[in-house]
Amino acid sequence: VFDESPANQNARILQSLKQAVQTLSF
């Protein structure tokens, strides 16, 4: 929903989750 664009959406979500794991604490 946040992304809003269906083209290559999964790749962008994967990239954002990778970025989150690399830069933020969980």
PDB file of all heavy atoms in Angstrom:
ATOM      1  N   VAL A   1       0.846  -1.205   0.000  1.00  0.00           N
ATOM      2  CA  VAL A   1       0.000   0.000   0.000  1.00  0.00           C
ATOM      3  C   VAL A   1       0.878   1.250   0.000  1.00  0.00           C
ATOM      4  O   VAL A   1       0.630   2.208  -0.733  1.00  0.00           O
ATOM      5  CB  VAL A   1      -0.962  -0.001   1.213  1.00  0.00           C
ATOM      6  CG1 VAL A   1      -1.650   1.348   1.362  1.00  0.00           C
ATOM      7  CG2 VAL A   1      -1.970  -1.121   1.086  1.00  0.00           C
ATOM      8  N   PHE A   2       1.943   1.232   0.805  1.00  0.00           N
ATOM      9  CA  PHE A   2       2.870   2.365   0.875  1.00  0.00           C
ATOM     10  C   PHE A   2       3.542   2.593  -0.474  1.00  0.00           C
ATOM     11  O   PHE A   2       3.718   3.722  -0.908  1.00  0.00           O
ATOM     12  CB  PHE A   2       3.914   2.093   1.964  1.00  0.00           C
ATOM     13  CG  PHE A   2       4.945   3.176   2.116  1.00  0.00           C
ATOM     14  CD1 PHE A   2       4.631   4.369   2.755  1.00  0.00           C
ATOM     15  CD2 PHE A   2       6.244   2.996   1.659  1.00  0.00           C
ATOM     16  CE1 PHE A   2       5.584   5.368   2.915  1.00  0.00           C
ATOM     17  CE2 PHE A   2       7.204   3.992   1.818  1.00  0.00           C
ATOM     18  CZ  PHE A   2       6.872   5.178   2.445  1.00  0.00           C
ATOM     19  N   ASP A   3       3.890   1.520  -1.175  1.00  0.00           N
ATOM     20  CA  ASP A   3       4.600   1.607  -2.451  1.00  0.00           C
ATOM     21  C   ASP A   3       3.704   2.156  -3.563  1.00  0.00           C
ATOM     22  O   ASP A   3       4.130   2.977  -4.356  1.00  0.00           O
ATOM     23  CB  ASP A   3       5.150   0.233  -2.837  1.00  0.00           C
ATOM     24  CG  ASP A   3       5.942   0.265  -4.111  1.00  0.00           C
ATOM     25  OD1 ASP A   3       7.048   0.839  -4.097  1.00  0.00           O
ATOM     26  OD2 ASP A   3       5.453  -0.251  -5.126  1.00  0.00           O
ATOM     27  N   GLU A   4       2.504   1.675  -3.663  1.00  0.00           N
ATOM     28  CA  GLU A   4       1.473   2.126  -4.603  1.00  0.00           C
ATOM     29  C   GLU A   4       1.699   1.776  -6.069  1.00  0.00           C
ATOM     30  O   GLU A   4       0.808   1.894  -6.872  1.00  0.00           O
ATOM     31  CB  GLU A   4       1.234   3.643  -4.494  1.00  0.00           C
ATOM     32  CG  GLU A   4       0.680   4.079  -3.160  1.00  0.00           C
ATOM     33  CD  GLU A   4       0.419   5.577  -3.089  1.00  0.00           C
ATOM     34  OE1 GLU A   4       0.787   6.306  -4.027  1.00  0.00           O
ATOM     35  OE2 GLU A   4      -0.149   6.011  -2.087  1.00  0.00           O
ATOM     36  N   SER A   5       2.893   1.382  -6.474  1.00  0.00           N
ATOM     37  CA  SER A   5       3.148   1.057  -7.877  1.00  0.00           C
ATOM     38  C   SER A   5       3.373  -0.445  -8.025  1.00  0.00           C
ATOM     39  O   SER A   5       4.323  -0.981  -7.463  1.00  0.00           O
ATOM     40  CB  SER A   5       4.385   1.810  -8.373  1.00  0.00           C
ATOM     41  OG  SER A   5       4.695   1.409  -9.684  1.00  0.00           O
ATOM     42  N   PRO A   6       2.521  -1.134  -8.786  1.00  0.00           N
ATOM     43  CA  PRO A   6       2.658  -2.586  -8.877  1.00  0.00           C
ATOM     44  C   PRO A   6       3.882  -3.071  -9.667  1.00  0.00           C
ATOM     45  O   PRO A   6       4.340  -4.184  -9.458  1.00  0.00           O
ATOM     46  CB  PRO A   6       1.360  -3.021  -9.562  1.00  0.00           C
ATOM     47  CG  PRO A   6       0.876  -1.812 -10.281  1.00  0.00           C
ATOM     48  CD  PRO A   6       1.357  -0.627  -9.507  1.00  0.00           C
ATOM     49  N   ALA A   7       4.423  -2.250 -10.551  1.00  0.00           N
ATOM     50  CA  ALA A   7       5.565  -2.685 -11.372  1.00  0.00           C
ATOM     51  C   ALA A   7       6.804  -2.874 -10.488  1.00  0.00           C
ATOM     52  O   ALA A   7       7.229  -1.949  -9.791  1.00  0.00           O
ATOM     53  CB  ALA A   7       5.853  -1.662 -12.464  1.00  0.00           C
ATOM     54  N   ASN A   8       7.344  -4.082 -10.488  1.00  0.00           N
ATOM     55  CA  ASN A   8       8.554  -4.417  -9.726  1.00  0.00           C
ATOM     56  C   ASN A   8       8.415  -4.156  -8.226  1.00  0.00           C
ATOM     57  O   ASN A   8       9.402  -3.917  -7.542  1.00  0.00           O
ATOM     58  CB  ASN A   8       9.773  -3.670 -10.274  1.00  0.00           C
ATOM     59  CG  ASN A   8      10.021  -4.003 -11.718  1.00  0.00           C
ATOM     60  OD1 ASN A   8      10.069  -5.170 -12.086  1.00  0.00           O
ATOM     61  ND2 ASN A   8      10.148  -2.986 -12.543  1.00  0.00           N
ATOM     62  N   GLN A   9       7.209  -4.235  -7.744  1.00  0.00           N
ATOM     63  CA  GLN A   9       6.937  -3.906  -6.349  1.00  0.00           C
ATOM     64  C   GLN A   9       7.678  -4.813  -5.372  1.00  0.00           C
ATOM     65  O   GLN A   9       8.266  -4.338  -4.397  1.00  0.00           O
ATOM     66  CB  GLN A   9       5.432  -3.985  -6.096  1.00  0.00           C
ATOM     67  CG  GLN A   9       5.015  -3.446  -4.752  1.00  0.00           C
ATOM     68  CD  GLN A   9       3.513  -3.411  -4.630  1.00  0.00           C
ATOM     69  OE1 GLN A   9       2.869  -4.446  -4.766  1.00  0.00           O
ATOM     70  NE2 GLN A   9       2.967  -2.240  -4.390  1.00  0.00           N
ATOM     71  N   ASN A  10       7.673  -6.121  -5.623  1.00  0.00           N
ATOM     72  CA  ASN A  10       8.339  -7.033  -4.696  1.00  0.00           C
ATOM     73  C   ASN A  10       9.827  -6.744  -4.585  1.00  0.00           C
ATOM     74  O   ASN A  10      10.394  -6.807  -3.496  1.00  0.00           O
ATOM     75  CB  ASN A  10       8.104  -8.488  -5.102  1.00  0.00           C
ATOM     76  CG  ASN A  10       6.693  -8.945  -4.805  1.00  0.00           C
ATOM     77  OD1 ASN A  10       5.900  -8.223  -4.205  1.00  0.00           O
ATOM     78  ND2 ASN A  10       6.368 -10.147  -5.231  1.00  0.00           N
ATOM     79  N   ALA A  11      10.468  -6.407  -5.691  1.00  0.00           N
ATOM     80  CA  ALA A  11      11.900  -6.085  -5.666  1.00  0.00           C
ATOM     81  C   ALA A  11      12.156  -4.849  -4.811  1.00  0.00           C
ATOM     82  O   ALA A  11      13.114  -4.811  -4.042  1.00  0.00           O
ATOM     83  CB  ALA A  11      12.430  -5.877  -7.083  1.00  0.00           C
ATOM     84  N   ARG A  12      11.295  -3.860  -4.921  1.00  0.00           N
ATOM     85  CA  ARG A  12      11.474  -2.645  -4.114  1.00  0.00           C
ATOM     86  C   ARG A  12      11.226  -2.930  -2.636  1.00  0.00           C
ATOM     87  O   ARG A  12      11.932  -2.423  -1.766  1.00  0.00           O
ATOM     88  CB  ARG A  12      10.570  -1.516  -4.618  1.00  0.00           C
ATOM     89  CG  ARG A  12      11.073  -0.882  -5.902  1.00  0.00           C
ATOM     90  CD  ARG A  12      10.321   0.399  -6.217  1.00  0.00           C
ATOM     91  NE  ARG A  12       8.886   0.192  -6.326  1.00  0.00           N
ATOM     92  CZ  ARG A  12       8.275  -0.290  -7.407  1.00  0.00           C
ATOM     93  NH1 ARG A  12       8.980  -0.608  -8.479  1.00  0.00           N
ATOM     94  NH2 ARG A  12       6.970  -0.431  -7.437  1.00  0.00           N
ATOM     95  N   ILE A  13      10.224  -3.745  -2.349  1.00  0.00           N
ATOM     96  CA  ILE A  13       9.949  -4.077  -0.948  1.00  0.00           C
ATOM     97  C   ILE A  13      11.108  -4.878  -0.357  1.00  0.00           C
ATOM     98  O   ILE A  13      11.542  -4.613   0.766  1.00  0.00           O
ATOM     99  CB  ILE A  13       8.604  -4.814  -0.808  1.00  0.00           C
ATOM    100  CG1 ILE A  13       7.457  -3.847  -1.156  1.00  0.00           C
ATOM    101  CG2 ILE A  13       8.433  -5.383   0.593  1.00  0.00           C
ATOM    102  CD1 ILE A  13       6.092  -4.492  -1.256  1.00  0.00           C
ATOM    103  N   LEU A  14      11.631  -5.842  -1.123  1.00  0.00           N
ATOM    104  CA  LEU A  14      12.801  -6.586  -0.648  1.00  0.00           C
ATOM    105  C   LEU A  14      13.973  -5.654  -0.385  1.00  0.00           C
ATOM    106  O   LEU A  14      14.669  -5.772   0.632  1.00  0.00           O
ATOM    107  CB  LEU A  14      13.201  -7.665  -1.660  1.00  0.00           C
ATOM    108  CG  LEU A  14      12.324  -8.903  -1.687  1.00  0.00           C
ATOM    109  CD1 LEU A  14      12.653  -9.766  -2.891  1.00  0.00           C
ATOM    110  CD2 LEU A  14      12.466  -9.696  -0.394  1.00  0.00           C
ATOM    111  N   GLN A  15      14.216  -4.733  -1.303  1.00  0.00           N
ATOM    112  CA  GLN A  15      15.319  -3.790  -1.129  1.00  0.00           C
ATOM    113  C   GLN A  15      15.100  -2.941   0.121  1.00  0.00           C
ATOM    114  O   GLN A  15      16.033  -2.697   0.890  1.00  0.00           O
ATOM    115  CB  GLN A  15      15.459  -2.893  -2.347  1.00  0.00           C
ATOM    116  CG  GLN A  15      16.627  -1.924  -2.241  1.00  0.00           C
ATOM    117  CD  GLN A  15      16.760  -1.010  -3.434  1.00  0.00           C
ATOM    118  OE1 GLN A  15      16.027  -1.144  -4.419  1.00  0.00           O
ATOM    119  NE2 GLN A  15      17.670  -0.073  -3.359  1.00  0.00           N
ATOM    120  N   SER A  16      13.874  -2.505   0.360  1.00  0.00           N
ATOM    121  CA  SER A  16      13.619  -1.665   1.530  1.00  0.00           C
ATOM    122  C   SER A  16      13.774  -2.460   2.822  1.00  0.00           C
ATOM    123  O   SER A  16      14.283  -1.928   3.819  1.00  0.00           O
ATOM    124  CB  SER A  16      12.243  -1.017   1.452  1.00  0.00           C
ATOM    125  OG  SER A  16      11.215  -1.975   1.509  1.00  0.00           O
ATOM    126  N   LEU A  17      13.378  -3.731   2.826  1.00  0.00           N
ATOM    127  CA  LEU A  17      13.564  -4.555   4.017  1.00  0.00           C
ATOM    128  C   LEU A  17      15.046  -4.802   4.268  1.00  0.00           C
ATOM    129  O   LEU A  17      15.504  -4.785   5.416  1.00  0.00           O
ATOM    130  CB  LEU A  17      12.788  -5.871   3.886  1.00  0.00           C
ATOM    131  CG  LEU A  17      11.265  -5.728   3.877  1.00  0.00           C
ATOM    132  CD1 LEU A  17      10.612  -7.079   3.629  1.00  0.00           C
ATOM    133  CD2 LEU A  17      10.753  -5.104   5.169  1.00  0.00           C
ATOM    134  N   LYS A  18      15.811  -5.010   3.206  1.00  0.00           N
ATOM    135  CA  LYS A  18      17.260  -5.174   3.350  1.00  0.00           C
ATOM    136  C   LYS A  18      17.875  -3.901   3.921  1.00  0.00           C
ATOM    137  O   LYS A  18      18.704  -3.942   4.837  1.00  0.00           O
ATOM    138  CB  LYS A  18      17.895  -5.514   2.002  1.00  0.00           C
ATOM    139  CG  LYS A  18      19.390  -5.719   2.071  1.00  0.00           C
ATOM    140  CD  LYS A  18      19.958  -6.140   0.721  1.00  0.00           C
ATOM    141  CE  LYS A  18      21.443  -6.397   0.831  1.00  0.00           C
ATOM    142  NZ  LYS A  18      21.997  -6.872  -0.438  1.00  0.00           N
ATOM    143  N   GLN A  19      17.470  -2.758   3.397  1.00  0.00           N
ATOM    144  CA  GLN A  19      17.956  -1.471   3.893  1.00  0.00           C
ATOM    145  C   GLN A  19      17.614  -1.313   5.372  1.00  0.00           C
ATOM    146  O   GLN A  19      18.434  -0.856   6.173  1.00  0.00           O
ATOM    147  CB  GLN A  19      17.334  -0.331   3.076  1.00  0.00           C
ATOM    148  CG  GLN A  19      17.704   1.055   3.540  1.00  0.00           C
ATOM    149  CD  GLN A  19      19.009   1.534   2.978  1.00  0.00           C
ATOM    150  OE1 GLN A  19      19.586   0.905   2.103  1.00  0.00           O
ATOM    151  NE2 GLN A  19      19.491   2.650   3.483  1.00  0.00           N
ATOM    152  N   ALA A  20      16.407  -1.709   5.742  1.00  0.00           N
ATOM    153  CA  ALA A  20      15.986  -1.592   7.140  1.00  0.00           C
ATOM    154  C   ALA A  20      16.862  -2.444   8.049  1.00  0.00           C
ATOM    155  O   ALA A  20      17.334  -1.981   9.090  1.00  0.00           O
ATOM    156  CB  ALA A  20      14.518  -1.994   7.281  1.00  0.00           C
ATOM    157  N   VAL A  21      17.103  -3.694   7.649  1.00  0.00           N
ATOM    158  CA  VAL A  21      17.919  -4.594   8.466  1.00  0.00           C
ATOM    159  C   VAL A  21      19.349  -4.077   8.582  1.00  0.00           C
ATOM    160  O   VAL A  21      19.980  -4.190   9.633  1.00  0.00           O
ATOM    161  CB  VAL A  21      17.881  -6.028   7.890  1.00  0.00           C
ATOM    162  CG1 VAL A  21      18.907  -6.924   8.551  1.00  0.00           C
ATOM    163  CG2 VAL A  21      16.482  -6.610   8.044  1.00  0.00           C
ATOM    164  N   GLN A  22      19.852  -3.482   7.518  1.00  0.00           N
ATOM    165  CA  GLN A  22      21.227  -2.991   7.517  1.00  0.00           C
ATOM    166  C   GLN A  22      21.404  -1.699   8.311  1.00  0.00           C
ATOM    167  O   GLN A  22      22.492  -1.439   8.817  1.00  0.00           O
ATOM    168  CB  GLN A  22      21.704  -2.753   6.080  1.00  0.00           C
ATOM    169  CG  GLN A  22      21.922  -4.018   5.305  1.00  0.00           C
ATOM    170  CD  GLN A  22      22.296  -3.743   3.855  1.00  0.00           C
ATOM    171  OE1 GLN A  22      21.976  -2.696   3.301  1.00  0.00           O
ATOM    172  NE2 GLN A  22      22.966  -4.696   3.240  1.00  0.00           N
ATOM    173  N   THR A  23      20.362  -0.883   8.417  1.00  0.00           N
ATOM    174  CA  THR A  23      20.543   0.453   8.988  1.00  0.00           C
ATOM    175  C   THR A  23      19.781   0.717  10.282  1.00  0.00           C
ATOM    176  O   THR A  23      20.045   1.715  10.938  1.00  0.00           O
ATOM    177  CB  THR A  23      20.141   1.539   7.969  1.00  0.00           C
ATOM    178  OG1 THR A  23      18.749   1.384   7.645  1.00  0.00           O
ATOM    179  CG2 THR A  23      20.984   1.449   6.705  1.00  0.00           C
ATOM    180  N   LEU A  24      18.845  -0.147  10.622  1.00  0.00           N
ATOM    181  CA  LEU A  24      18.017   0.082  11.807  1.00  0.00           C
ATOM    182  C   LEU A  24      18.101  -1.128  12.740  1.00  0.00           C
ATOM    183  O   LEU A  24      18.466  -2.218  12.314  1.00  0.00           O
ATOM    184  CB  LEU A  24      16.561   0.328  11.391  1.00  0.00           C
ATOM    185  CG  LEU A  24      16.331   1.476  10.405  1.00  0.00           C
ATOM    186  CD1 LEU A  24      14.911   1.444   9.866  1.00  0.00           C
ATOM    187  CD2 LEU A  24      16.623   2.807  11.070  1.00  0.00           C
ATOM    188  N   SER A  25      17.740  -0.938  13.976  1.00  0.00           N
ATOM    189  CA  SER A  25      17.779  -2.054  14.927  1.00  0.00           C
ATOM    190  C   SER A  25      16.384  -2.651  15.099  1.00  0.00           C
ATOM    191  O   SER A  25      15.380  -1.940  15.061  1.00  0.00           O
ATOM    192  CB  SER A  25      18.331  -1.591  16.268  1.00  0.00           C
ATOM    193  OG  SER A  25      17.491  -0.616  16.827  1.00  0.00           O
ATOM    194  N   PHE A  26      16.362  -3.967  15.274  1.00  0.00           N
ATOM    195  CA  PHE A  26      15.112  -4.707  15.445  1.00  0.00           C
ATOM    196  C   PHE A  26      15.283  -5.738  16.543  1.00  0.00           C
ATOM    197  O   PHE A  26      16.386  -6.245  16.757  1.00  0.00           O
ATOM    198  CB  PHE A  26      14.726  -5.428  14.138  1.00  0.00           C
ATOM    199  CG  PHE A  26      14.387  -4.499  13.010  1.00  0.00           C
ATOM    200  CD1 PHE A  26      15.350  -4.126  12.090  1.00  0.00           C
ATOM    201  CD2 PHE A  26      13.105  -3.996  12.875  1.00  0.00           C
ATOM    202  CE1 PHE A  26      15.052  -3.263  11.049  1.00  0.00           C
ATOM    203  CE2 PHE A  26      12.795  -3.132  11.835  1.00  0.00           C
ATOM    204  CZ  PHE A  26      13.770  -2.763  10.921  1.00  0.00           C
TER     205      PHE A  26
END
